[in-house]
């Protein structure tokens, strides 16, 4: 059972919403290549707010993801696309279907 997760919230700068959306869509292929990432979702919460939700069976998978290509690309693009640094929370999965 998945036990570990990440929940990230991204606030796009005005006029950069489409670029954030495209960045997130492009990250899917990187997530697919990560052995330890069980599920990976990119979502739009409202017009300028986006999110990423991922799950992992092991802490090692979560740690690898946090230092992997998606995180690196996101932090590189953050000053250009986001109003502030992403809010990334490490969460514990209590139940899942």
PDB file of N, CA and C in Angstrom:
ATOM      1  N   UNK A   1       0.831  -1.190   0.000  1.00  0.00           N
ATOM      2  CA  UNK A   1       0.000   0.000   0.000  1.00  0.00           C
ATOM      3  C   UNK A   1       0.872   1.247   0.000  1.00  0.00           C
ATOM      4  N   UNK A   2       0.451   2.237  -0.754  1.00  0.00           N
ATOM      5  CA  UNK A   2       1.188   3.502  -0.744  1.00  0.00           C
ATOM      6  C   UNK A   2       1.050   4.134   0.640  1.00  0.00           C
ATOM      7  N   UNK A   3       2.158   4.661   1.133  1.00  0.00           N
ATOM      8  CA  UNK A   3       2.164   5.247   2.469  1.00  0.00           C
ATOM      9  C   UNK A   3       2.617   6.693   2.467  1.00  0.00           C
ATOM     10  N   UNK A   4       3.329   7.077   1.433  1.00  0.00           N
ATOM     11  CA  UNK A   4       3.958   8.386   1.417  1.00  0.00           C
ATOM     12  C   UNK A   4       3.447   9.205   0.239  1.00  0.00           C
ATOM     13  N   UNK A   5       3.383  10.505   0.415  1.00  0.00           N
ATOM     14  CA  UNK A   5       2.932  11.366  -0.663  1.00  0.00           C
ATOM     15  C   UNK A   5       3.571  12.733  -0.609  1.00  0.00           C
ATOM     16  N   UNK A   6       3.352  13.469  -1.670  1.00  0.00           N
ATOM     17  CA  UNK A   6       3.734  14.875  -1.763  1.00  0.00           C
ATOM     18  C   UNK A   6       2.541  15.633  -2.294  1.00  0.00           C
ATOM     19  N   UNK A   7       2.328  16.803  -1.749  1.00  0.00           N
ATOM     20  CA  UNK A   7       1.273  17.683  -2.207  1.00  0.00           C
ATOM     21  C   UNK A   7       1.902  19.052  -2.429  1.00  0.00           C
ATOM     22  N   UNK A   8       1.907  19.493  -3.675  1.00  0.00           N
ATOM     23  CA  UNK A   8       2.533  20.774  -4.026  1.00  0.00           C
ATOM     24  C   UNK A   8       1.474  21.721  -4.572  1.00  0.00           C
ATOM     25  N   UNK A   9       1.599  22.980  -4.216  1.00  0.00           N
ATOM     26  CA  UNK A   9       0.677  24.011  -4.688  1.00  0.00           C
ATOM     27  C   UNK A   9       1.504  25.074  -5.400  1.00  0.00           C
ATOM     28  N   UNK A  10       1.071  25.424  -6.625  1.00  0.00           N
ATOM     29  CA  UNK A  10       1.803  26.367  -7.465  1.00  0.00           C
ATOM     30  C   UNK A  10       0.889  27.526  -7.836  1.00  0.00           C
ATOM     31  N   UNK A  11       1.346  28.734  -7.635  1.00  0.00           N
ATOM     32  CA  UNK A  11       0.583  29.944  -7.985  1.00  0.00           C
ATOM     33  C   UNK A  11       1.244  30.599  -9.189  1.00  0.00           C
ATOM     34  N   UNK A  12       0.568  30.563 -10.331  1.00  0.00           N
ATOM     35  CA  UNK A  12       1.120  31.128 -11.567  1.00  0.00           C
ATOM     36  C   UNK A  12       1.087  32.654 -11.534  1.00  0.00           C
ATOM     37  N   UNK A  13       2.103  33.263 -12.103  1.00  0.00           N
ATOM     38  CA  UNK A  13       2.089  34.710 -12.302  1.00  0.00           C
ATOM     39  C   UNK A  13       1.001  35.043 -13.318  1.00  0.00           C
ATOM     40  N   UNK A  14       0.467  36.243 -13.222  1.00  0.00           N
ATOM     41  CA  UNK A  14      -0.540  36.686 -14.183  1.00  0.00           C
ATOM     42  C   UNK A  14       0.029  36.592 -15.596  1.00  0.00           C
ATOM     43  N   UNK A  15      -0.722  35.974 -16.477  1.00  0.00           N
ATOM     44  CA  UNK A  15      -0.285  35.803 -17.858  1.00  0.00           C
ATOM     45  C   UNK A  15       0.584  34.586 -18.105  1.00  0.00           C
ATOM     46  N   UNK A  16       0.957  33.865 -17.046  1.00  0.00           N
ATOM     47  CA  UNK A  16       1.824  32.681 -17.181  1.00  0.00           C
ATOM     48  C   UNK A  16       1.073  31.372 -16.955  1.00  0.00           C
ATOM     49  N   UNK A  17      -0.248  31.447 -16.819  1.00  0.00           N
ATOM     50  CA  UNK A  17      -1.041  30.260 -16.508  1.00  0.00           C
ATOM     51  C   UNK A  17      -0.881  29.156 -17.562  1.00  0.00           C
ATOM     52  N   UNK A  18      -0.941  29.525 -18.820  1.00  0.00           N
ATOM     53  CA  UNK A  18      -0.812  28.519 -19.899  1.00  0.00           C
ATOM     54  C   UNK A  18       0.568  27.868 -19.869  1.00  0.00           C
ATOM     55  N   UNK A  19       1.607  28.662 -19.575  1.00  0.00           N
ATOM     56  CA  UNK A  19       2.963  28.109 -19.505  1.00  0.00           C
ATOM     57  C   UNK A  19       3.110  27.130 -18.343  1.00  0.00           C
ATOM     58  N   UNK A  20       2.487  27.444 -17.207  1.00  0.00           N
ATOM     59  CA  UNK A  20       2.520  26.514 -16.076  1.00  0.00           C
ATOM     60  C   UNK A  20       1.794  25.226 -16.454  1.00  0.00           C
ATOM     61  N   UNK A  21       0.634  25.357 -17.068  1.00  0.00           N
ATOM     62  CA  UNK A  21      -0.114  24.180 -17.515  1.00  0.00           C
ATOM     63  C   UNK A  21       0.722  23.318 -18.456  1.00  0.00           C
ATOM     64  N   UNK A  22       1.357  23.929 -19.427  1.00  0.00           N
ATOM     65  CA  UNK A  22       2.178  23.182 -20.382  1.00  0.00           C
ATOM     66  C   UNK A  22       3.383  22.536 -19.706  1.00  0.00           C
ATOM     67  N   UNK A  23       4.001  23.248 -18.763  1.00  0.00           N
ATOM     68  CA  UNK A  23       5.120  22.667 -18.017  1.00  0.00           C
ATOM     69  C   UNK A  23       4.668  21.404 -17.298  1.00  0.00           C
ATOM     70  N   UNK A  24       3.534  21.495 -16.609  1.00  0.00           N
ATOM     71  CA  UNK A  24       3.039  20.336 -15.861  1.00  0.00           C
ATOM     72  C   UNK A  24       2.720  19.165 -16.786  1.00  0.00           C
ATOM     73  N   UNK A  25       2.094  19.446 -17.898  1.00  0.00           N
ATOM     74  CA  UNK A  25       1.796  18.373 -18.858  1.00  0.00           C
ATOM     75  C   UNK A  25       3.074  17.723 -19.368  1.00  0.00           C
ATOM     76  N   UNK A  26       4.098  18.527 -19.604  1.00  0.00           N
ATOM     77  CA  UNK A  26       5.363  17.994 -20.115  1.00  0.00           C
ATOM     78  C   UNK A  26       6.097  17.161 -19.065  1.00  0.00           C
ATOM     79  N   UNK A  27       5.811  17.375 -17.787  1.00  0.00           N
ATOM     80  CA  UNK A  27       6.489  16.641 -16.720  1.00  0.00           C
ATOM     81  C   UNK A  27       5.997  15.201 -16.596  1.00  0.00           C
ATOM     82  N   UNK A  28       4.876  14.884 -17.206  1.00  0.00           N
ATOM     83  CA  UNK A  28       4.330  13.525 -17.113  1.00  0.00           C
ATOM     84  C   UNK A  28       5.331  12.475 -17.573  1.00  0.00           C
ATOM     85  N   UNK A  29       6.027  12.721 -18.646  1.00  0.00           N
ATOM     86  CA  UNK A  29       6.990  11.731 -19.146  1.00  0.00           C
ATOM     87  C   UNK A  29       8.133  11.517 -18.154  1.00  0.00           C
ATOM     88  N   UNK A  30       8.532  12.579 -17.456  1.00  0.00           N
ATOM     89  CA  UNK A  30       9.577  12.429 -16.440  1.00  0.00           C
ATOM     90  C   UNK A  30       9.053  11.599 -15.268  1.00  0.00           C
ATOM     91  N   UNK A  31       7.831  11.846 -14.853  1.00  0.00           N
ATOM     92  CA  UNK A  31       7.241  11.077 -13.753  1.00  0.00           C
ATOM     93  C   UNK A  31       7.123   9.599 -14.128  1.00  0.00           C
ATOM     94  N   UNK A  32       6.788   9.330 -15.369  1.00  0.00           N
ATOM     95  CA  UNK A  32       6.647   7.941 -15.825  1.00  0.00           C
ATOM     96  C   UNK A  32       7.962   7.178 -15.730  1.00  0.00           C
ATOM     97  N   UNK A  33       9.075   7.882 -15.826  1.00  0.00           N
ATOM     98  CA  UNK A  33      10.392   7.249 -15.770  1.00  0.00           C
ATOM     99  C   UNK A  33      10.874   6.983 -14.340  1.00  0.00           C
ATOM    100  N   UNK A  34      10.181   7.496 -13.348  1.00  0.00           N
ATOM    101  CA  UNK A  34      10.609   7.336 -11.958  1.00  0.00           C
ATOM    102  C   UNK A  34      10.068   6.035 -11.383  1.00  0.00           C
ATOM    103  N   UNK A  35      10.964   5.112 -11.077  1.00  0.00           N
ATOM    104  CA  UNK A  35      10.552   3.802 -10.549  1.00  0.00           C
ATOM    105  C   UNK A  35       9.772   3.914  -9.249  1.00  0.00           C
ATOM    106  N   UNK A  36      10.180   4.813  -8.387  1.00  0.00           N
ATOM    107  CA  UNK A  36       9.582   4.890  -7.062  1.00  0.00           C
ATOM    108  C   UNK A  36       8.299   5.689  -6.981  1.00  0.00           C
ATOM    109  N   UNK A  37       7.943   6.373  -8.061  1.00  0.00           N
ATOM    110  CA  UNK A  37       6.715   7.162  -8.067  1.00  0.00           C
ATOM    111  C   UNK A  37       5.565   6.265  -8.521  1.00  0.00           C
ATOM    112  N   UNK A  38       4.610   6.041  -7.625  1.00  0.00           N
ATOM    113  CA  UNK A  38       3.493   5.139  -7.921  1.00  0.00           C
ATOM    114  C   UNK A  38       2.423   5.861  -8.727  1.00  0.00           C
ATOM    115  N   UNK A  39       1.972   7.012  -8.225  1.00  0.00           N
ATOM    116  CA  UNK A  39       1.016   7.829  -8.973  1.00  0.00           C
ATOM    117  C   UNK A  39       1.525   9.263  -9.001  1.00  0.00           C
ATOM    118  N   UNK A  40       1.159   9.966 -10.047  1.00  0.00           N
ATOM    119  CA  UNK A  40       1.561  11.365 -10.211  1.00  0.00           C
ATOM    120  C   UNK A  40       0.424  12.090 -10.918  1.00  0.00           C
ATOM    121  N   UNK A  41      -0.068  13.138 -10.293  1.00  0.00           N
ATOM    122  CA  UNK A  41      -1.164  13.920 -10.850  1.00  0.00           C
ATOM    123  C   UNK A  41      -0.765  15.389 -10.916  1.00  0.00           C
ATOM    124  N   UNK A  42      -1.074  16.021 -12.019  1.00  0.00           N
ATOM    125  CA  UNK A  42      -0.973  17.475 -12.145  1.00  0.00           C
ATOM    126  C   UNK A  42      -2.396  17.987 -12.294  1.00  0.00           C
ATOM    127  N   UNK A  43      -2.754  19.003 -11.502  1.00  0.00           N
ATOM    128  CA  UNK A  43      -4.137  19.477 -11.483  1.00  0.00           C
ATOM    129  C   UNK A  43      -4.192  21.000 -11.556  1.00  0.00           C
ATOM    130  N   UNK A  44      -5.335  21.477 -12.010  1.00  0.00           N
ATOM    131  CA  UNK A  44      -5.632  22.915 -11.948  1.00  0.00           C
ATOM    132  C   UNK A  44      -6.690  23.080 -10.860  1.00  0.00           C
ATOM    133  N   UNK A  45      -6.411  23.953  -9.906  1.00  0.00           N
ATOM    134  CA  UNK A  45      -7.334  24.204  -8.802  1.00  0.00           C
ATOM    135  C   UNK A  45      -8.269  25.358  -9.150  1.00  0.00           C
ATOM    136  N   UNK A  46      -7.717  26.397  -9.715  1.00  0.00           N
ATOM    137  CA  UNK A  46      -8.509  27.507 -10.244  1.00  0.00           C
ATOM    138  C   UNK A  46      -7.699  28.153 -11.367  1.00  0.00           C
ATOM    139  N   UNK A  47      -8.100  29.313 -11.832  1.00  0.00           N
ATOM    140  CA  UNK A  47      -7.460  29.930 -13.005  1.00  0.00           C
ATOM    141  C   UNK A  47      -5.940  30.037 -12.880  1.00  0.00           C
ATOM    142  N   UNK A  48      -5.432  30.374 -11.703  1.00  0.00           N
ATOM    143  CA  UNK A  48      -3.993  30.603 -11.563  1.00  0.00           C
ATOM    144  C   UNK A  48      -3.318  29.668 -10.567  1.00  0.00           C
ATOM    145  N   UNK A  49      -4.063  28.754  -9.974  1.00  0.00           N
ATOM    146  CA  UNK A  49      -3.498  27.844  -8.978  1.00  0.00           C
ATOM    147  C   UNK A  49      -3.487  26.424  -9.520  1.00  0.00           C
ATOM    148  N   UNK A  50      -2.326  25.799  -9.398  1.00  0.00           N
ATOM    149  CA  UNK A  50      -2.122  24.441  -9.886  1.00  0.00           C
ATOM    150  C   UNK A  50      -1.602  23.585  -8.742  1.00  0.00           C
ATOM    151  N   UNK A  51      -1.641  22.285  -8.932  1.00  0.00           N
ATOM    152  CA  UNK A  51      -1.123  21.394  -7.906  1.00  0.00           C
ATOM    153  C   UNK A  51      -0.508  20.153  -8.510  1.00  0.00           C
ATOM    154  N   UNK A  52       0.321  19.526  -7.709  1.00  0.00           N
ATOM    155  CA  UNK A  52       0.902  18.222  -8.047  1.00  0.00           C
ATOM    156  C   UNK A  52       0.679  17.333  -6.834  1.00  0.00           C
ATOM    157  N   UNK A  53       0.190  16.119  -7.081  1.00  0.00           N
ATOM    158  CA  UNK A  53       0.008  15.131  -6.025  1.00  0.00           C
ATOM    159  C   UNK A  53       0.669  13.847  -6.481  1.00  0.00           C
ATOM    160  N   UNK A  54       1.566  13.309  -5.663  1.00  0.00           N
ATOM    161  CA  UNK A  54       2.261  12.072  -6.002  1.00  0.00           C
ATOM    162  C   UNK A  54       2.216  11.118  -4.819  1.00  0.00           C
ATOM    163  N   UNK A  55       2.339   9.815  -5.117  1.00  0.00           N
ATOM    164  CA  UNK A  55       2.382   8.813  -4.053  1.00  0.00           C
ATOM    165  C   UNK A  55       3.565   7.878  -4.263  1.00  0.00           C
ATOM    166  N   UNK A  56       3.987   7.288  -3.127  1.00  0.00           N
ATOM    167  CA  UNK A  56       5.179   6.442  -3.104  1.00  0.00           C
ATOM    168  C   UNK A  56       4.970   5.327  -2.088  1.00  0.00           C
ATOM    169  N   UNK A  57       5.521   4.155  -2.374  1.00  0.00           N
ATOM    170  CA  UNK A  57       5.469   3.054  -1.411  1.00  0.00           C
ATOM    171  C   UNK A  57       6.518   3.217  -0.325  1.00  0.00           C
ATOM    172  N   UNK A  58       7.617   3.839  -0.667  1.00  0.00           N
ATOM    173  CA  UNK A  58       8.760   3.942   0.237  1.00  0.00           C
ATOM    174  C   UNK A  58       9.225   5.389   0.351  1.00  0.00           C
ATOM    175  N   UNK A  59       9.802   5.697   1.487  1.00  0.00           N
ATOM    176  CA  UNK A  59      10.368   7.029   1.699  1.00  0.00           C
ATOM    177  C   UNK A  59      11.476   7.312   0.682  1.00  0.00           C
ATOM    178  N   UNK A  60      12.232   6.277   0.318  1.00  0.00           N
ATOM    179  CA  UNK A  60      13.316   6.452  -0.660  1.00  0.00           C
ATOM    180  C   UNK A  60      12.793   6.962  -1.996  1.00  0.00           C
ATOM    181  N   UNK A  61      11.620   6.484  -2.402  1.00  0.00           N
ATOM    182  CA  UNK A  61      11.029   6.948  -3.658  1.00  0.00           C
ATOM    183  C   UNK A  61      10.656   8.411  -3.584  1.00  0.00           C
ATOM    184  N   UNK A  62      10.104   8.813  -2.453  1.00  0.00           N
ATOM    185  CA  UNK A  62       9.728  10.221  -2.274  1.00  0.00           C
ATOM    186  C   UNK A  62      10.983  11.101  -2.260  1.00  0.00           C
ATOM    187  N   UNK A  63      12.004  10.653  -1.554  1.00  0.00           N
ATOM    188  CA  UNK A  63      13.253  11.416  -1.485  1.00  0.00           C
ATOM    189  C   UNK A  63      13.877  11.552  -2.870  1.00  0.00           C
ATOM    190  N   UNK A  64      13.875  10.459  -3.629  1.00  0.00           N
ATOM    191  CA  UNK A  64      14.438  10.496  -4.994  1.00  0.00           C
ATOM    192  C   UNK A  64      13.647  11.459  -5.865  1.00  0.00           C
ATOM    193  N   UNK A  65      12.340  11.460  -5.728  1.00  0.00           N
ATOM    194  CA  UNK A  65      11.501  12.357  -6.523  1.00  0.00           C
ATOM    195  C   UNK A  65      11.798  13.818  -6.194  1.00  0.00           C
ATOM    196  N   UNK A  66      11.977  14.122  -4.924  1.00  0.00           N
ATOM    197  CA  UNK A  66      12.250  15.503  -4.502  1.00  0.00           C
ATOM    198  C   UNK A  66      13.567  16.043  -5.039  1.00  0.00           C
ATOM    199  N   UNK A  67      14.485  15.146  -5.377  1.00  0.00           N
ATOM    200  CA  UNK A  67      15.755  15.597  -5.945  1.00  0.00           C
ATOM    201  C   UNK A  67      15.888  15.214  -7.420  1.00  0.00           C
ATOM    202  N   UNK A  68      14.781  14.787  -8.018  1.00  0.00           N
ATOM    203  CA  UNK A  68      14.787  14.318  -9.393  1.00  0.00           C
ATOM    204  C   UNK A  68      14.574  15.408 -10.427  1.00  0.00           C
ATOM    205  N   UNK A  69      14.405  15.007 -11.683  1.00  0.00           N
ATOM    206  CA  UNK A  69      14.319  15.960 -12.788  1.00  0.00           C
ATOM    207  C   UNK A  69      13.113  16.894 -12.752  1.00  0.00           C
ATOM    208  N   UNK A  70      11.967  16.428 -12.262  1.00  0.00           N
ATOM    209  CA  UNK A  70      10.791  17.301 -12.205  1.00  0.00           C
ATOM    210  C   UNK A  70      11.036  18.422 -11.206  1.00  0.00           C
ATOM    211  N   UNK A  71      11.512  18.059 -10.018  1.00  0.00           N
ATOM    212  CA  UNK A  71      11.774  19.069  -8.990  1.00  0.00           C
ATOM    213  C   UNK A  71      12.820  20.072  -9.462  1.00  0.00           C
ATOM    214  N   UNK A  72      13.862  19.586 -10.099  1.00  0.00           N
ATOM    215  CA  UNK A  72      14.915  20.484 -10.599  1.00  0.00           C
ATOM    216  C   UNK A  72      14.365  21.434 -11.661  1.00  0.00           C
ATOM    217  N   UNK A  73      13.594  20.901 -12.590  1.00  0.00           N
ATOM    218  CA  UNK A  73      13.018  21.735 -13.650  1.00  0.00           C
ATOM    219  C   UNK A  73      12.034  22.751 -13.072  1.00  0.00           C
ATOM    220  N   UNK A  74      11.231  22.312 -12.109  1.00  0.00           N
ATOM    221  CA  UNK A  74      10.257  23.213 -11.493  1.00  0.00           C
ATOM    222  C   UNK A  74      10.962  24.363 -10.774  1.00  0.00           C
ATOM    223  N   UNK A  75      11.973  24.055 -10.004  1.00  0.00           N
ATOM    224  CA  UNK A  75      12.669  25.109  -9.266  1.00  0.00           C
ATOM    225  C   UNK A  75      13.423  26.047 -10.209  1.00  0.00           C
ATOM    226  N   UNK A  76      13.874  25.534 -11.335  1.00  0.00           N
ATOM    227  CA  UNK A  76      14.541  26.386 -12.324  1.00  0.00           C
ATOM    228  C   UNK A  76      13.547  27.350 -12.976  1.00  0.00           C
ATOM    229  N   UNK A  77      12.333  26.877 -13.241  1.00  0.00           N
ATOM    230  CA  UNK A  77      11.304  27.686 -13.899  1.00  0.00           C
ATOM    231  C   UNK A  77      10.511  28.564 -12.931  1.00  0.00           C
ATOM    232  N   UNK A  78      10.547  28.249 -11.642  1.00  0.00           N
ATOM    233  CA  UNK A  78       9.717  28.939 -10.651  1.00  0.00           C
ATOM    234  C   UNK A  78       9.838  30.461 -10.707  1.00  0.00           C
ATOM    235  N   UNK A  79      11.028  31.050 -10.745  1.00  0.00           N
ATOM    236  CA  UNK A  79      11.092  32.517 -10.754  1.00  0.00           C
ATOM    237  C   UNK A  79      10.400  33.151 -11.961  1.00  0.00           C
ATOM    238  N   UNK A  80      10.420  32.468 -13.078  1.00  0.00           N
ATOM    239  CA  UNK A  80       9.806  32.981 -14.309  1.00  0.00           C
ATOM    240  C   UNK A  80       8.286  32.800 -14.318  1.00  0.00           C
ATOM    241  N   UNK A  81       7.805  31.665 -13.772  1.00  0.00           N
ATOM    242  CA  UNK A  81       6.399  31.291 -13.924  1.00  0.00           C
ATOM    243  C   UNK A  81       5.527  31.506 -12.696  1.00  0.00           C
ATOM    244  N   UNK A  82       6.117  31.484 -11.498  1.00  0.00           N
ATOM    245  CA  UNK A  82       5.322  31.458 -10.276  1.00  0.00           C
ATOM    246  C   UNK A  82       5.455  32.743  -9.464  1.00  0.00           C
ATOM    247  N   UNK A  83       4.390  33.061  -8.726  1.00  0.00           N
ATOM    248  CA  UNK A  83       4.403  34.263  -7.886  1.00  0.00           C
ATOM    249  C   UNK A  83       5.293  34.087  -6.661  1.00  0.00           C
ATOM    250  N   UNK A  84       5.479  32.835  -6.246  1.00  0.00           N
ATOM    251  CA  UNK A  84       6.315  32.511  -5.087  1.00  0.00           C
ATOM    252  C   UNK A  84       6.783  31.073  -5.235  1.00  0.00           C
ATOM    253  N   UNK A  85       7.709  30.664  -4.389  1.00  0.00           N
ATOM    254  CA  UNK A  85       8.170  29.278  -4.425  1.00  0.00           C
ATOM    255  C   UNK A  85       6.996  28.330  -4.212  1.00  0.00           C
ATOM    256  N   UNK A  86       7.037  27.160  -4.854  1.00  0.00           N
ATOM    257  CA  UNK A  86       5.977  26.178  -4.634  1.00  0.00           C
ATOM    258  C   UNK A  86       5.900  25.796  -3.155  1.00  0.00           C
ATOM    259  N   UNK A  87       4.697  25.562  -2.675  1.00  0.00           N
ATOM    260  CA  UNK A  87       4.501  25.038  -1.324  1.00  0.00           C
ATOM    261  C   UNK A  87       4.430  23.525  -1.477  1.00  0.00           C
ATOM    262  N   UNK A  88       5.422  22.825  -0.923  1.00  0.00           N
ATOM    263  CA  UNK A  88       5.504  21.373  -1.068  1.00  0.00           C
ATOM    264  C   UNK A  88       5.414  20.747   0.316  1.00  0.00           C
ATOM    265  N   UNK A  89       4.409  19.896   0.488  1.00  0.00           N
ATOM    266  CA  UNK A  89       4.196  19.244   1.769  1.00  0.00           C
ATOM    267  C   UNK A  89       4.387  17.742   1.632  1.00  0.00           C
ATOM    268  N   UNK A  90       5.144  17.170   2.565  1.00  0.00           N
ATOM    269  CA  UNK A  90       5.277  15.722   2.632  1.00  0.00           C
ATOM    270  C   UNK A  90       4.122  15.208   3.477  1.00  0.00           C
ATOM    271  N   UNK A  91       3.356  14.285   2.902  1.00  0.00           N
ATOM    272  CA  UNK A  91       2.156  13.804   3.579  1.00  0.00           C
ATOM    273  C   UNK A  91       2.217  12.293   3.780  1.00  0.00           C
ATOM    274  N   UNK A  92       1.421  11.812   4.720  1.00  0.00           N
ATOM    275  CA  UNK A  92       1.280  10.396   4.993  1.00  0.00           C
ATOM    276  C   UNK A  92      -0.083   9.945   4.481  1.00  0.00           C
ATOM    277  N   UNK A  93      -0.104   8.894   3.687  1.00  0.00           N
ATOM    278  CA  UNK A  93      -1.356   8.355   3.149  1.00  0.00           C
ATOM    279  C   UNK A  93      -1.970   7.454   4.227  1.00  0.00           C
ATOM    280  N   UNK A  94      -3.172   7.774   4.665  1.00  0.00           N
ATOM    281  CA  UNK A  94      -3.843   7.003   5.717  1.00  0.00           C
ATOM    282  C   UNK A  94      -4.734   5.898   5.143  1.00  0.00           C
ATOM    283  N   UNK A  95      -5.333   6.146   4.002  1.00  0.00           N
ATOM    284  CA  UNK A  95      -6.202   5.164   3.368  1.00  0.00           C
ATOM    285  C   UNK A  95      -6.254   5.477   1.876  1.00  0.00           C
ATOM    286  N   UNK A  96      -6.418   4.439   1.067  1.00  0.00           N
ATOM    287  CA  UNK A  96      -6.488   4.643  -0.391  1.00  0.00           C
ATOM    288  C   UNK A  96      -7.318   3.528  -1.000  1.00  0.00           C
ATOM    289  N   UNK A  97      -7.907   3.842  -2.128  1.00  0.00           N
ATOM    290  CA  UNK A  97      -8.673   2.830  -2.867  1.00  0.00           C
ATOM    291  C   UNK A  97      -8.016   2.652  -4.204  1.00  0.00           C
TER     292      UNK A  97
END
